[in-house]
C-alpha atoms as a PDB file:
ATOM      1  CA  MET A   1     320.636 115.088  20.342  1.00  0.00           C
ATOM      2  CA  ARG A   2     318.599 117.250  22.673  1.00  0.00           C
ATOM      3  CA  ARG A   3     315.805 114.716  23.228  1.00  0.00           C
ATOM      4  CA  LEU A   4     315.422 110.991  22.700  1.00  0.00           C
ATOM      5  CA  ALA A   5     312.161 109.101  22.404  1.00  0.00           C
ATOM      6  CA  ILE A   6     312.562 106.033  24.597  1.00  0.00           C
ATOM      7  CA  TYR A   7     310.488 102.952  23.880  1.00  0.00           C
ATOM      8  CA  CYS A   8     310.260 100.436  26.726  1.00  0.00           C
ATOM      9  CA  GLY A   9     307.925  98.115  28.566  1.00  0.00           C
ATOM     10  CA  SER A  10     305.280  99.044  31.105  1.00  0.00           C
ATOM     11  CA  ALA A  11     305.882  95.724  32.883  1.00  0.00           C
ATOM     12  CA  SER A  12     308.298  94.929  35.715  1.00  0.00           C
ATOM     13  CA  PRO A  13     309.866  91.544  34.872  1.00  0.00           C
ATOM     14  CA  PRO A  14     311.016  89.369  37.802  1.00  0.00           C
ATOM     15  CA  ASP A  15     314.663  89.798  36.781  1.00  0.00           C
ATOM     16  CA  ALA A  16     315.677  93.178  38.222  1.00  0.00           C
ATOM     17  CA  ILE A  17     318.297  93.717  35.499  1.00  0.00           C
ATOM     18  CA  TYR A  18     315.677  95.321  33.244  1.00  0.00           C
ATOM     19  CA  LEU A  19     314.440  97.885  35.782  1.00  0.00           C
ATOM     20  CA  THR A  20     318.049  98.582  36.758  1.00  0.00           C
ATOM     21  CA  ALA A  21     318.918  99.234  33.110  1.00  0.00           C
ATOM     22  CA  ALA A  22     315.929 101.566  32.664  1.00  0.00           C
ATOM     23  CA  ARG A  23     316.981 103.570  35.721  1.00  0.00           C
ATOM     24  CA  ALA A  24     320.570 103.738  34.459  1.00  0.00           C
ATOM     25  CA  VAL A  25     319.398 105.027  31.061  1.00  0.00           C
ATOM     26  CA  GLY A  26     317.191 107.700  32.657  1.00  0.00           C
ATOM     27  CA  GLN A  27     320.028 108.888  34.878  1.00  0.00           C
ATOM     28  CA  ALA A  28     322.628 108.803  32.088  1.00  0.00           C
ATOM     29  CA  LEU A  29     320.456 110.793  29.697  1.00  0.00           C
ATOM     30  CA  ALA A  30     319.768 113.436  32.345  1.00  0.00           C
ATOM     31  CA  GLU A  31     323.473 113.681  33.150  1.00  0.00           C
ATOM     32  CA  ARG A  32     324.222 114.193  29.447  1.00  0.00           C
ATOM     33  CA  GLY A  33     321.555 116.887  29.165  1.00  0.00           C
ATOM     34  CA  ILE A  34     319.398 114.734  26.886  1.00  0.00           C
ATOM     35  CA  GLY A  35     315.677 115.022  27.548  1.00  0.00           C
ATOM     36  CA  VAL A  36     313.411 111.976  27.585  1.00  0.00           C
ATOM     37  CA  VAL A  37     310.249 111.630  25.529  1.00  0.00           C
ATOM     38  CA  TYR A  38     308.420 108.435  26.437  1.00  0.00           C
ATOM     39  CA  GLY A  39     305.018 106.794  26.786  1.00  0.00           C
ATOM     40  CA  GLY A  40     303.955 108.727  29.879  1.00  0.00           C
ATOM     41  CA  GLY A  41     303.382 105.732  32.150  1.00  0.00           C
ATOM     42  CA  ARG A  42     304.265 105.349  35.811  1.00  0.00           C
ATOM     43  CA  LEU A  43     304.596 101.549  35.758  1.00  0.00           C
ATOM     44  CA  GLY A  44     307.382  99.134  34.836  1.00  0.00           C
ATOM     45  CA  LEU A  45     310.435 100.197  32.896  1.00  0.00           C
ATOM     46  CA  MET A  46     308.596 103.343  31.819  1.00  0.00           C
ATOM     47  CA  GLY A  47     308.150 104.549  35.378  1.00  0.00           C
ATOM     48  CA  ALA A  48     311.680 103.547  36.411  1.00  0.00           C
ATOM     49  CA  LEU A  49     313.174 105.432  33.451  1.00  0.00           C
ATOM     50  CA  ALA A  50     311.134 108.575  34.123  1.00  0.00           C
ATOM     51  CA  ASP A  51     311.751 108.590  37.874  1.00  0.00           C
ATOM     52  CA  ALA A  52     315.516 108.172  37.441  1.00  0.00           C
ATOM     53  CA  ALA A  53     315.745 110.915  34.814  1.00  0.00           C
ATOM     54  CA  LEU A  54     313.716 113.305  36.975  1.00  0.00           C
ATOM     55  CA  ALA A  55     315.755 112.467  40.093  1.00  0.00           C
ATOM     56  CA  ALA A  56     318.927 113.323  38.147  1.00  0.00           C
ATOM     57  CA  GLY A  57     317.495 116.712  37.144  1.00  0.00           C
ATOM     58  CA  GLY A  58     316.421 115.740  33.642  1.00  0.00           C
ATOM     59  CA  THR A  59     313.478 116.791  31.525  1.00  0.00           C
ATOM     60  CA  VAL A  60     310.850 114.111  30.916  1.00  0.00           C
ATOM     61  CA  ILE A  61     307.975 114.521  28.478  1.00  0.00           C
ATOM     62  CA  GLY A  62     305.250 111.894  28.504  1.00  0.00           C
ATOM     63  CA  VAL A  63     302.879 111.157  25.631  1.00  0.00           C
ATOM     64  CA  ILE A  64     299.972 108.917  26.595  1.00  0.00           C
ATOM     65  CA  PRO A  65     296.719 107.972  24.854  1.00  0.00           C
ATOM     66  CA  GLN A  66     293.498 109.036  26.566  1.00  0.00           C
ATOM     67  CA  ALA A  67     292.491 105.414  27.219  1.00  0.00           C
ATOM     68  CA  LEU A  68     295.643 104.785  29.269  1.00  0.00           C
ATOM     69  CA  GLU A  69     295.260 108.088  31.085  1.00  0.00           C
ATOM     70  CA  ASP A  70     291.696 107.034  31.928  1.00  0.00           C
ATOM     71  CA  ALA A  71     293.064 103.749  33.314  1.00  0.00           C
ATOM     72  CA  GLU A  72     295.143 105.853  35.740  1.00  0.00           C
ATOM     73  CA  VAL A  73     298.556 104.648  34.591  1.00  0.00           C
ATOM     74  CA  ALA A  74     299.845 108.122  33.668  1.00  0.00           C
ATOM     75  CA  HIS A  75     302.849 109.514  35.540  1.00  0.00           C
ATOM     76  CA  ARG A  76     301.766 112.749  37.243  1.00  0.00           C
ATOM     77  CA  GLY A  77     305.201 114.126  38.109  1.00  0.00           C
ATOM     78  CA  LEU A  78     306.618 114.737  34.633  1.00  0.00           C
ATOM     79  CA  THR A  79     307.980 117.934  33.147  1.00  0.00           C
ATOM     80  CA  GLU A  80     305.171 117.732  30.567  1.00  0.00           C
ATOM     81  CA  LEU A  81     302.378 115.228  29.934  1.00  0.00           C
ATOM     82  CA  HIS A  82     300.619 115.214  26.554  1.00  0.00           C
ATOM     83  CA  ILE A  83     297.348 113.289  26.329  1.00  0.00           C
ATOM     84  CA  VAL A  84     296.505 112.191  22.791  1.00  0.00           C
ATOM     85  CA  GLY A  85     293.591 110.338  21.236  1.00  0.00           C
ATOM     86  CA  THR A  86     295.314 107.374  19.598  1.00  0.00           C
ATOM     87  CA  MET A  87     298.518 105.379  19.434  1.00  0.00           C
ATOM     88  CA  HIS A  88     299.113 106.834  15.962  1.00  0.00           C
ATOM     89  CA  GLU A  89     299.006 110.351  17.411  1.00  0.00           C
ATOM     90  CA  ARG A  90     301.353 109.234  20.182  1.00  0.00           C
ATOM     91  CA  LYS A  91     303.951 107.911  17.738  1.00  0.00           C
ATOM     92  CA  GLN A  92     303.707 111.030  15.575  1.00  0.00           C
ATOM     93  CA  LEU A  93     304.267 113.265  18.595  1.00  0.00           C
ATOM     94  CA  PHE A  94     307.258 111.118  19.629  1.00  0.00           C
ATOM     95  CA  THR A  95     308.699 111.764  16.174  1.00  0.00           C
ATOM     96  CA  ASP A  96     307.935 115.490  16.323  1.00  0.00           C
ATOM     97  CA  LEU A  97     309.438 116.000  19.799  1.00  0.00           C
ATOM     98  CA  ALA A  98     312.541 113.798  19.622  1.00  0.00           C
ATOM     99  CA  ASP A  99     315.861 113.934  17.813  1.00  0.00           C
ATOM    100  CA  GLY A 100     316.234 110.151  17.841  1.00  0.00           C
ATOM    101  CA  PHE A 101     314.736 106.916  19.127  1.00  0.00           C
ATOM    102  CA  LEU A 102     316.055 104.338  21.593  1.00  0.00           C
ATOM    103  CA  ALA A 103     314.358 101.037  22.397  1.00  0.00           C
ATOM    104  CA  LEU A 104     314.926  99.337  25.735  1.00  0.00           C
ATOM    105  CA  PRO A 105     313.459  95.913  26.496  1.00  0.00           C
ATOM    106  CA  GLY A 106     309.705  95.722  26.106  1.00  0.00           C
ATOM    107  CA  GLY A 107     306.884  93.823  24.463  1.00  0.00           C
ATOM    108  CA  THR A 108     304.536  94.373  21.551  1.00  0.00           C
ATOM    109  CA  GLY A 109     304.113  98.127  22.067  1.00  0.00           C
ATOM    110  CA  THR A 110     307.869  98.624  22.108  1.00  0.00           C
ATOM    111  CA  MET A 111     308.229  96.529  18.957  1.00  0.00           C
ATOM    112  CA  ASP A 112     305.463  98.461  17.213  1.00  0.00           C
ATOM    113  CA  GLU A 113     307.159 101.768  17.993  1.00  0.00           C
ATOM    114  CA  LEU A 114     310.649 100.531  17.077  1.00  0.00           C
ATOM    115  CA  TRP A 115     309.615  99.109  13.693  1.00  0.00           C
ATOM    116  CA  GLU A 116     307.620 102.205  12.820  1.00  0.00           C
ATOM    117  CA  ALA A 117     310.601 104.448  13.621  1.00  0.00           C
ATOM    118  CA  LEU A 118     312.787 102.239  11.402  1.00  0.00           C
ATOM    119  CA  SER A 119     310.327 102.061   8.510  1.00  0.00           C
ATOM    120  CA  TRP A 120     309.712 105.821   8.633  1.00  0.00           C
ATOM    121  CA  ALA A 121     313.483 106.395   8.484  1.00  0.00           C
ATOM    122  CA  GLN A 122     313.781 103.972   5.567  1.00  0.00           C
ATOM    123  CA  LEU A 123     311.061 105.814   3.676  1.00  0.00           C
ATOM    124  CA  GLY A 124     312.504 109.247   4.468  1.00  0.00           C
ATOM    125  CA  TYR A 125     309.696 110.437   6.764  1.00  0.00           C
ATOM    126  CA  HIS A 126     312.397 111.380   9.270  1.00  0.00           C
ATOM    127  CA  ALA A 127     316.202 111.381   9.321  1.00  0.00           C
ATOM    128  CA  LYS A 128     316.711 110.587  13.004  1.00  0.00           C
ATOM    129  CA  PRO A 129     318.855 107.791  14.476  1.00  0.00           C
ATOM    130  CA  VAL A 130     317.253 104.627  15.846  1.00  0.00           C
ATOM    131  CA  GLY A 131     318.965 102.668  18.614  1.00  0.00           C
ATOM    132  CA  LEU A 132     318.384  99.354  20.328  1.00  0.00           C
ATOM    133  CA  LEU A 133     319.866  98.800  23.800  1.00  0.00           C
ATOM    134  CA  ASN A 134     320.469  95.069  24.077  1.00  0.00           C
ATOM    135  CA  VAL A 135     320.195  94.523  27.835  1.00  0.00           C
ATOM    136  CA  ALA A 136     321.398  91.072  28.934  1.00  0.00           C
ATOM    137  CA  GLY A 137     321.026  89.700  25.395  1.00  0.00           C
ATOM    138  CA  TYR A 138     317.299  90.466  25.330  1.00  0.00           C
ATOM    139  CA  TYR A 139     317.427  91.518  21.676  1.00  0.00           C
ATOM    140  CA  ASP A 140     319.939  88.956  20.354  1.00  0.00           C
ATOM    141  CA  ALA A 141     317.289  87.188  18.254  1.00  0.00           C
ATOM    142  CA  LEU A 142     315.891  90.480  16.945  1.00  0.00           C
ATOM    143  CA  ILE A 143     319.350  91.649  15.886  1.00  0.00           C
ATOM    144  CA  ALA A 144     319.877  88.299  14.151  1.00  0.00           C
ATOM    145  CA  PHE A 145     316.525  88.745  12.382  1.00  0.00           C
ATOM    146  CA  TRP A 146     317.544  92.234  11.176  1.00  0.00           C
ATOM    147  CA  GLU A 147     320.811  90.846   9.816  1.00  0.00           C
ATOM    148  CA  LYS A 148     318.994  87.938   8.141  1.00  0.00           C
ATOM    149  CA  ALA A 149     316.489  90.332   6.530  1.00  0.00           C
ATOM    150  CA  GLY A 150     319.448  92.156   5.022  1.00  0.00           C
ATOM    151  CA  GLU A 151     321.203  88.986   3.872  1.00  0.00           C
ATOM    152  CA  VAL A 152     318.059  87.711   2.170  1.00  0.00           C
ATOM    153  CA  GLY A 153     317.379  91.074   0.520  1.00  0.00           C
ATOM    154  CA  PHE A 154     314.333  92.408   2.345  1.00  0.00           C
ATOM    155  CA  VAL A 155     316.340  95.268   3.852  1.00  0.00           C
ATOM    156  CA  ARG A 156     318.651  97.021   1.415  1.00  0.00           C
ATOM    157  CA  ALA A 157     322.305  97.375   2.368  1.00  0.00           C
ATOM    158  CA  PRO A 158     322.226 101.129   3.106  1.00  0.00           C
ATOM    159  CA  HIS A 159     319.128 100.721   5.265  1.00  0.00           C
ATOM    160  CA  ARG A 160     320.673  98.024   7.459  1.00  0.00           C
ATOM    161  CA  ALA A 161     322.740 100.808   9.018  1.00  0.00           C
ATOM    162  CA  LEU A 162     319.567 102.527  10.240  1.00  0.00           C
ATOM    163  CA  LEU A 163     319.456 100.334  13.346  1.00  0.00           C
ATOM    164  CA  HIS A 164     322.226 100.994  15.857  1.00  0.00           C
ATOM    165  CA  ALA A 165     322.311  98.105  18.332  1.00  0.00           C
ATOM    166  CA  GLY A 166     324.549  97.477  21.304  1.00  0.00           C
ATOM    167  CA  SER A 167     324.768  96.701  24.989  1.00  0.00           C
ATOM    168  CA  ASP A 168     326.912  99.684  26.047  1.00  0.00           C
ATOM    169  CA  LEU A 169     324.777 102.813  26.388  1.00  0.00           C
ATOM    170  CA  GLY A 170     327.630 105.313  26.006  1.00  0.00           C
ATOM    171  CA  ASP A 171     328.916 103.679  22.836  1.00  0.00           C
ATOM    172  CA  LEU A 172     325.395 103.362  21.435  1.00  0.00           C
ATOM    173  CA  LEU A 173     324.576 107.033  22.071  1.00  0.00           C
ATOM    174  CA  GLY A 174     327.871 108.035  20.455  1.00  0.00           C
ATOM    175  CA  ARG A 175     327.137 106.015  17.322  1.00  0.00           C
ATOM    176  CA  MET A 176     323.618 107.408  17.141  1.00  0.00           C
ATOM    177  CA  ALA A 177     324.855 110.995  17.472  1.00  0.00           C
ATOM    178  CA  ALA A 178     327.482 110.449  14.765  1.00  0.00           C
ATOM    179  CA  SER A 179     325.144 108.733  12.324  1.00  0.00           C
ATOM    180  CA  HIS A 180     324.173 110.273   9.026  1.00  0.00           C
ATOM    181  CA  PRO A 181     320.801 109.862   7.358  1.00  0.00           C
ATOM    182  CA  VAL A 182     320.625 107.372   4.532  1.00  0.00           C
ATOM    183  CA  GLN A 183     318.782 107.962   1.301  1.00  0.00           C
ATOM    184  CA  PRO A 184     315.119 106.993   1.507  1.00  0.00           C
ATOM    185  CA  ILE A 185     313.725 104.362  -0.813  1.00  0.00           C
ATOM    186  CA  ILE A 186     312.429 106.042  -3.969  1.00  0.00           C
ATOM    187  CA  TYR A 187     310.178 103.894  -6.127  1.00  0.00           C
ATOM    188  CA  SER A 188     310.126 105.031  -9.719  1.00  0.00           C
ATOM    189  CA  ARG A 189     308.719 101.937 -11.415  1.00  0.00           C
ATOM    190  CA  ALA A 190     306.324  99.178 -10.484  1.00  0.00           C
ATOM    191  CA  GLU A 191     309.106  96.557 -10.744  1.00  0.00           C
ATOM    192  CA  ASP A 192     310.990  98.411  -7.962  1.00  0.00           C
ATOM    193  CA  LEU A 193     308.229  97.392  -5.589  1.00  0.00           C
END
């Protein structure tokens, strides 16, 4: 993996563990020679991730919608900053620029990006690994939901393996790099829907 799209929050929660984790991810990716593609913001986990990656000599590409650039939340010290018109364009450019996706803690925007990356992989729109870094148990309930969706039958067995989750970044990156694409869902008959 040459570049990872990182999804994370633009907030700075009171518990410093989340900002610390974002900085550690930025530094670790730079040290491994993996470039960062992210939302282009200077605030919260986004800013901490970008600053740490840049400080460690890494490449950081930001992709930010015009409305957020207008609100002056864009990071001005990045390797590259792409300004796009919509969130849809942002997510498409993430997919075009990155070799995989990694979600850190965040809110609704992070969830939107994570689920789209997973559903696009499931449908065969890309064959890139999707990871979830479970910092301090933040995603325990989400991981349980993913497992439940598989048990009930809403996520087919081969597609459950699309989400690589864990709390150890090195292990998670290793599993993502070693993953193989699964077959996309092919609907041939109406009853398959």
